C-alpha atoms as a PDB file:
ATOM      1  CA  UNK A   1     -23.077 280.164  40.283  1.00  0.00           C
ATOM      2  CA  UNK A   2     -19.306 279.777  40.299  1.00  0.00           C
ATOM      3  CA  UNK A   3     -19.319 278.619  43.933  1.00  0.00           C
ATOM      4  CA  UNK A   4     -22.035 276.090  43.152  1.00  0.00           C
ATOM      5  CA  UNK A   5     -20.184 274.687  40.147  1.00  0.00           C
ATOM      6  CA  UNK A   6     -17.051 274.450  42.313  1.00  0.00           C
ATOM      7  CA  UNK A   7     -18.866 272.406  44.962  1.00  0.00           C
ATOM      8  CA  UNK A   8     -20.428 270.162  42.331  1.00  0.00           C
ATOM      9  CA  UNK A   9     -17.112 269.599  40.540  1.00  0.00           C
ATOM     10  CA  UNK A  10     -14.820 269.145  43.561  1.00  0.00           C
ATOM     11  CA  UNK A  11     -17.253 267.703  46.129  1.00  0.00           C
ATOM     12  CA  UNK A  12     -15.870 270.276  48.582  1.00  0.00           C
ATOM     13  CA  UNK A  13     -17.400 271.048  51.932  1.00  0.00           C
ATOM     14  CA  UNK A  14     -18.951 274.432  52.658  1.00  0.00           C
ATOM     15  CA  UNK A  15     -15.935 275.260  54.826  1.00  0.00           C
ATOM     16  CA  UNK A  16     -13.436 274.328  52.098  1.00  0.00           C
ATOM     17  CA  UNK A  17     -15.422 276.254  49.494  1.00  0.00           C
ATOM     18  CA  UNK A  18     -15.657 279.354  51.682  1.00  0.00           C
ATOM     19  CA  UNK A  19     -11.909 279.298  52.200  1.00  0.00           C
ATOM     20  CA  UNK A  20     -11.229 278.842  48.466  1.00  0.00           C
ATOM     21  CA  UNK A  21     -13.429 281.822  47.568  1.00  0.00           C
ATOM     22  CA  UNK A  22     -12.504 284.031  50.530  1.00  0.00           C
ATOM     23  CA  UNK A  23     -16.049 284.324  51.865  1.00  0.00           C
ATOM     24  CA  UNK A  24     -17.820 283.148  55.005  1.00  0.00           C
ATOM     25  CA  UNK A  25     -19.366 279.711  55.443  1.00  0.00           C
ATOM     26  CA  UNK A  26     -22.693 281.437  56.019  1.00  0.00           C
ATOM     27  CA  UNK A  27     -22.495 283.162  52.659  1.00  0.00           C
ATOM     28  CA  UNK A  28     -21.699 279.930  50.817  1.00  0.00           C
ATOM     29  CA  UNK A  29     -24.474 278.068  52.599  1.00  0.00           C
ATOM     30  CA  UNK A  30     -27.066 280.759  51.951  1.00  0.00           C
ATOM     31  CA  UNK A  31     -26.033 281.076  48.312  1.00  0.00           C
ATOM     32  CA  UNK A  32     -26.338 277.365  47.567  1.00  0.00           C
ATOM     33  CA  UNK A  33     -29.396 276.565  49.684  1.00  0.00           C
ATOM     34  CA  UNK A  34     -31.567 279.651  49.212  1.00  0.00           C
ATOM     35  CA  UNK A  35     -30.419 281.591  46.161  1.00  0.00           C
ATOM     36  CA  UNK A  36     -29.258 278.835  43.826  1.00  0.00           C
ATOM     37  CA  UNK A  37     -32.583 276.918  43.607  1.00  0.00           C
ATOM     38  CA  UNK A  38     -34.191 280.079  42.226  1.00  0.00           C
ATOM     39  CA  UNK A  39     -31.535 280.369  39.506  1.00  0.00           C
ATOM     40  CA  UNK A  40     -30.726 276.811  38.475  1.00  0.00           C
ATOM     41  CA  UNK A  41     -32.722 273.894  39.896  1.00  0.00           C
ATOM     42  CA  UNK A  42     -30.575 271.189  38.277  1.00  0.00           C
ATOM     43  CA  UNK A  43     -27.331 272.585  39.664  1.00  0.00           C
ATOM     44  CA  UNK A  44     -29.022 273.125  43.036  1.00  0.00           C
ATOM     45  CA  UNK A  45     -29.990 269.441  43.126  1.00  0.00           C
ATOM     46  CA  UNK A  46     -26.408 268.363  42.360  1.00  0.00           C
ATOM     47  CA  UNK A  47     -24.994 270.676  45.035  1.00  0.00           C
ATOM     48  CA  UNK A  48     -27.584 269.481  47.568  1.00  0.00           C
ATOM     49  CA  UNK A  49     -26.482 265.899  46.954  1.00  0.00           C
ATOM     50  CA  UNK A  50     -22.851 266.855  47.660  1.00  0.00           C
ATOM     51  CA  UNK A  51     -23.827 268.785  50.807  1.00  0.00           C
ATOM     52  CA  UNK A  52     -25.951 265.888  52.052  1.00  0.00           C
ATOM     53  CA  UNK A  53     -23.073 263.461  51.509  1.00  0.00           C
ATOM     54  CA  UNK A  54     -20.651 265.785  53.297  1.00  0.00           C
ATOM     55  CA  UNK A  55     -23.075 266.152  56.195  1.00  0.00           C
ATOM     56  CA  UNK A  56     -23.444 262.386  56.501  1.00  0.00           C
ATOM     57  CA  UNK A  57     -19.661 261.966  56.556  1.00  0.00           C
ATOM     58  CA  UNK A  58     -18.716 264.858  58.831  1.00  0.00           C
ATOM     59  CA  UNK A  59     -18.505 262.712  61.965  1.00  0.00           C
ATOM     60  CA  UNK A  60     -15.866 260.622  60.194  1.00  0.00           C
ATOM     61  CA  UNK A  61     -13.813 263.685  59.240  1.00  0.00           C
ATOM     62  CA  UNK A  62     -14.070 264.999  62.797  1.00  0.00           C
ATOM     63  CA  UNK A  63     -12.858 261.708  64.224  1.00  0.00           C
ATOM     64  CA  UNK A  64      -9.969 261.645  61.786  1.00  0.00           C
ATOM     65  CA  UNK A  65      -8.978 265.200  62.737  1.00  0.00           C
ATOM     66  CA  UNK A  66      -8.954 264.257  66.418  1.00  0.00           C
ATOM     67  CA  UNK A  67      -6.858 261.155  65.729  1.00  0.00           C
ATOM     68  CA  UNK A  68      -4.326 263.241  63.756  1.00  0.00           C
ATOM     69  CA  UNK A  69      -4.181 265.801  66.562  1.00  0.00           C
ATOM     70  CA  UNK A  70      -3.199 263.218  69.125  1.00  0.00           C
ATOM     71  CA  UNK A  71      -0.772 261.508  66.739  1.00  0.00           C
ATOM     72  CA  UNK A  72       0.947 264.844  66.034  1.00  0.00           C
ATOM     73  CA  UNK A  73       1.283 265.486  69.767  1.00  0.00           C
ATOM     74  CA  UNK A  74       2.657 261.970  70.355  1.00  0.00           C
ATOM     75  CA  UNK A  75      -0.103 261.189  72.827  1.00  0.00           C
ATOM     76  CA  UNK A  76      -2.459 258.224  72.892  1.00  0.00           C
ATOM     77  CA  UNK A  77      -6.099 258.870  72.121  1.00  0.00           C
ATOM     78  CA  UNK A  78      -8.067 259.497  75.332  1.00  0.00           C
ATOM     79  CA  UNK A  79      -9.851 256.160  74.959  1.00  0.00           C
ATOM     80  CA  UNK A  80      -6.590 254.214  74.539  1.00  0.00           C
ATOM     81  CA  UNK A  81      -5.190 252.665  77.668  1.00  0.00           C
ATOM     82  CA  UNK A  82      -8.153 253.739  79.803  1.00  0.00           C
ATOM     83  CA  UNK A  83     -10.089 251.090  81.669  1.00  0.00           C
ATOM     84  CA  UNK A  84     -13.607 250.445  80.487  1.00  0.00           C
ATOM     85  CA  UNK A  85     -16.380 251.469  82.847  1.00  0.00           C
ATOM     86  CA  UNK A  86     -18.956 248.777  83.531  1.00  0.00           C
END
């Protein structure tokens, strides 16, 4: 229940939540998707909304992480400066 309230309050990802609580991503996911609906349907619905939003946005976070990686290394992104294939 504490993990679920944390996700609902902070809008954290499963990965961030697992790290905060010192458990695996699998444990967090199973707790909030399988166990929680049996205990508290309202909280489960709120957590599901957060997880769905995070899932929809994950490609953006991944792209941002890649951009930061190349910026930190002082290299251009692979697509920058490369000729377009026609």
